C-alpha atoms as a PDB file:
ATOM      1  CA  MET A   1     -10.228  -7.301  -8.384  1.00  0.00           C
ATOM      2  CA  TRP A   2      -9.864  -9.100 -11.820  1.00  0.00           C
ATOM      3  CA  GLY A   3      -6.377  -7.803 -12.683  1.00  0.00           C
ATOM      4  CA  GLY A   4      -5.674  -6.566  -9.529  1.00  0.00           C
ATOM      5  CA  GLU A   5      -1.550  -6.964  -8.739  1.00  0.00           C
ATOM      6  CA  SER A   6      -0.686  -4.113  -6.203  1.00  0.00           C
ATOM      7  CA  THR A   7      -1.113  -3.132  -2.543  1.00  0.00           C
ATOM      8  CA  GLY A   8      -4.230  -1.326  -3.638  1.00  0.00           C
ATOM      9  CA  GLY A   9      -6.208  -4.467  -4.743  1.00  0.00           C
ATOM     10  CA  PHE A  10      -5.425  -8.086  -5.771  1.00  0.00           C
ATOM     11  CA  ASP A  11      -7.013 -10.986  -8.243  1.00  0.00           C
ATOM     12  CA  CYS A  12      -6.172 -14.086  -7.153  1.00  0.00           C
ATOM     13  CA  SER A  13      -2.848 -14.259  -9.905  1.00  0.00           C
ATOM     14  CA  GLY A  14      -1.692 -10.759  -9.002  1.00  0.00           C
ATOM     15  CA  LEU A  15      -1.610 -11.974  -5.552  1.00  0.00           C
ATOM     16  CA  VAL A  16       0.864 -15.026  -6.025  1.00  0.00           C
ATOM     17  CA  GLN A  17       2.790 -12.483  -8.458  1.00  0.00           C
ATOM     18  CA  PHE A  18       3.040  -9.767  -5.809  1.00  0.00           C
ATOM     19  CA  VAL A  19       4.041 -12.477  -2.953  1.00  0.00           C
ATOM     20  CA  PHE A  20       6.407 -14.676  -4.926  1.00  0.00           C
ATOM     21  CA  GLY A  21       8.025 -11.137  -6.472  1.00  0.00           C
ATOM     22  CA  SER A  22       8.961 -10.471  -3.260  1.00  0.00           C
ATOM     23  CA  ALA A  23      10.416 -13.469  -2.292  1.00  0.00           C
ATOM     24  CA  GLY A  24      12.577 -12.960  -5.249  1.00  0.00           C
ATOM     25  CA  VAL A  25      10.852 -15.722  -7.447  1.00  0.00           C
ATOM     26  CA  THR A  26       9.403 -14.731 -11.204  1.00  0.00           C
ATOM     27  CA  LEU A  27       5.898 -16.363 -12.125  1.00  0.00           C
ATOM     28  CA  PRO A  28       3.796 -15.536 -15.079  1.00  0.00           C
ATOM     29  CA  ARG A  29       0.805 -13.041 -14.562  1.00  0.00           C
ATOM     30  CA  VAL A  30      -2.314 -15.301 -15.118  1.00  0.00           C
ATOM     31  CA  ALA A  31      -3.032 -18.342 -13.103  1.00  0.00           C
ATOM     32  CA  GLN A  32      -3.151 -20.569 -16.420  1.00  0.00           C
ATOM     33  CA  ASN A  33       0.415 -19.426 -17.187  1.00  0.00           C
ATOM     34  CA  GLN A  34       1.196 -20.084 -13.495  1.00  0.00           C
ATOM     35  CA  TYR A  35       0.256 -23.511 -12.836  1.00  0.00           C
ATOM     36  CA  ASP A  36       1.702 -24.029 -17.018  1.00  0.00           C
ATOM     37  CA  ALA A  37       4.621 -22.757 -15.037  1.00  0.00           C
ATOM     38  CA  GLY A  38       5.021 -25.397 -12.805  1.00  0.00           C
ATOM     39  CA  PRO A  39       7.104 -27.415 -11.339  1.00  0.00           C
ATOM     40  CA  ALA A  40       4.040 -29.955 -10.760  1.00  0.00           C
ATOM     41  CA  ILE A  41       3.593 -31.861  -7.299  1.00  0.00           C
ATOM     42  CA  LEU A  42       2.961 -35.275  -8.262  1.00  0.00           C
ATOM     43  CA  PRO A  43      -0.358 -37.415  -6.716  1.00  0.00           C
ATOM     44  CA  GLY A  44       2.234 -39.215  -3.955  1.00  0.00           C
ATOM     45  CA  MET A  45       4.156 -36.043  -3.008  1.00  0.00           C
ATOM     46  CA  ARG A  46       3.538 -34.221  -0.274  1.00  0.00           C
ATOM     47  CA  VAL A  47       2.009 -30.404  -0.543  1.00  0.00           C
ATOM     48  CA  VAL A  48       4.320 -27.754   1.414  1.00  0.00           C
ATOM     49  CA  PRO A  49       3.622 -24.309   2.313  1.00  0.00           C
ATOM     50  CA  GLY A  50       4.768 -22.207  -0.178  1.00  0.00           C
ATOM     51  CA  ASP A  51       2.830 -24.192  -2.702  1.00  0.00           C
ATOM     52  CA  LEU A  52       0.352 -23.079  -5.251  1.00  0.00           C
ATOM     53  CA  VAL A  53      -3.270 -24.986  -5.767  1.00  0.00           C
ATOM     54  CA  PHE A  54      -5.411 -24.674  -8.911  1.00  0.00           C
ATOM     55  CA  PHE A  55      -8.701 -24.613  -9.433  1.00  0.00           C
ATOM     56  CA  GLY A  56     -10.896 -25.489 -12.340  1.00  0.00           C
ATOM     57  CA  THR A  57     -12.615 -27.064 -14.930  1.00  0.00           C
ATOM     58  CA  GLY A  58      -9.060 -28.856 -15.910  1.00  0.00           C
ATOM     59  CA  PRO A  59      -5.932 -28.807 -17.043  1.00  0.00           C
ATOM     60  CA  THR A  60      -6.025 -26.473 -19.455  1.00  0.00           C
ATOM     61  CA  GLY A  61      -8.885 -24.632 -17.948  1.00  0.00           C
ATOM     62  CA  VAL A  62      -7.432 -23.223 -14.570  1.00  0.00           C
ATOM     63  CA  SER A  63      -9.516 -20.255 -13.339  1.00  0.00           C
ATOM     64  CA  HIS A  64      -8.837 -19.582  -9.664  1.00  0.00           C
ATOM     65  CA  VAL A  65      -5.033 -20.152  -7.491  1.00  0.00           C
ATOM     66  CA  GLY A  66      -4.356 -19.770  -3.767  1.00  0.00           C
ATOM     67  CA  ILE A  67      -1.459 -20.113  -1.534  1.00  0.00           C
ATOM     68  CA  PHE A  68      -0.867 -23.410   0.397  1.00  0.00           C
ATOM     69  CA  VAL A  69      -0.104 -22.706   4.109  1.00  0.00           C
ATOM     70  CA  GLY A  70      -0.713 -25.549   5.550  1.00  0.00           C
ATOM     71  CA  ASP A  71      -3.420 -27.007   7.595  1.00  0.00           C
ATOM     72  CA  GLY A  72      -6.084 -27.441   4.536  1.00  0.00           C
ATOM     73  CA  LEU A  73      -5.583 -23.314   4.408  1.00  0.00           C
ATOM     74  CA  MET A  74      -4.789 -21.113   1.859  1.00  0.00           C
ATOM     75  CA  VAL A  75      -4.162 -17.535   1.583  1.00  0.00           C
ATOM     76  CA  ASP A  76      -6.671 -16.455  -0.696  1.00  0.00           C
ATOM     77  CA  ALA A  77      -7.656 -13.218  -2.995  1.00  0.00           C
ATOM     78  CA  PRO A  78     -11.470 -14.967  -3.620  1.00  0.00           C
ATOM     79  CA  HIS A  79     -13.095 -12.369  -5.825  1.00  0.00           C
ATOM     80  CA  THR A  80     -14.065  -9.077  -6.730  1.00  0.00           C
ATOM     81  CA  GLY A  81     -14.548  -7.295  -3.367  1.00  0.00           C
ATOM     82  CA  SER A  82     -13.440  -9.321  -0.860  1.00  0.00           C
ATOM     83  CA  VAL A  83     -10.228  -9.250   1.286  1.00  0.00           C
ATOM     84  CA  VAL A  84      -7.262 -11.043   0.897  1.00  0.00           C
ATOM     85  CA  ARG A  85      -8.015 -14.241   3.411  1.00  0.00           C
ATOM     86  CA  LEU A  86      -7.187 -17.468   4.641  1.00  0.00           C
ATOM     87  CA  ASP A  87      -9.825 -19.909   3.308  1.00  0.00           C
ATOM     88  CA  LYS A  88     -10.022 -23.791   3.324  1.00  0.00           C
ATOM     89  CA  VAL A  89      -8.713 -25.377   0.134  1.00  0.00           C
ATOM     90  CA  ALA A  90     -11.531 -27.980   0.370  1.00  0.00           C
ATOM     91  CA  GLY A  91     -14.059 -24.788  -0.288  1.00  0.00           C
ATOM     92  CA  PHE A  92     -13.071 -24.352  -3.856  1.00  0.00           C
ATOM     93  CA  GLU A  93     -14.043 -27.521  -6.409  1.00  0.00           C
ATOM     94  CA  PRO A  94     -12.441 -28.804  -8.358  1.00  0.00           C
ATOM     95  CA  ILE A  95      -8.704 -28.807  -7.851  1.00  0.00           C
ATOM     96  CA  VAL A  96      -6.605 -28.846 -11.167  1.00  0.00           C
ATOM     97  CA  GLY A  97      -3.236 -29.183  -9.517  1.00  0.00           C
ATOM     98  CA  VAL A  98      -0.240 -28.026  -6.774  1.00  0.00           C
ATOM     99  CA  THR A  99       2.551 -26.479  -7.886  1.00  0.00           C
ATOM    100  CA  GLY A 100       6.139 -25.879  -6.145  1.00  0.00           C
ATOM    101  CA  PRO A 101       7.370 -22.792  -7.997  1.00  0.00           C
ATOM    102  CA  GLY A 102       9.879 -21.838  -4.943  1.00  0.00           C
ATOM    103  CA  GLY A 103      12.162 -25.171  -6.081  1.00  0.00           C
ATOM    104  CA  GLN A 104      10.885 -26.873  -2.799  1.00  0.00           C
ATOM    105  CA  GLN A 105      10.098 -30.752  -4.465  1.00  0.00           C
ATOM    106  CA  SER A 106       8.846 -33.070  -1.262  1.00  0.00           C
ATOM    107  CA  THR A 107       8.014 -36.364  -1.537  1.00  0.00           C
END
């Protein structure tokens, strides 16, 4: 559901905002703004559960976000009419970047 931000229906960024808000972390509403808010997980740094994985055409063209849970999987609200589920990160290309909004910076 595009624009969904509650348990009645989520889009990708609404799900991220809801989950992180439940843990006391304030994030912007849309995927592009969530990506811009960072902090970036730089190449060579380890991606850990709770990091956000962003997809799209580039750093100014973010169109999708998922919550990394480990083993190459993310919690995802993939599109209108679908349920929140686990998806393979590799199934969504191209990856624009990863952020650690919960404050975790791993090396």
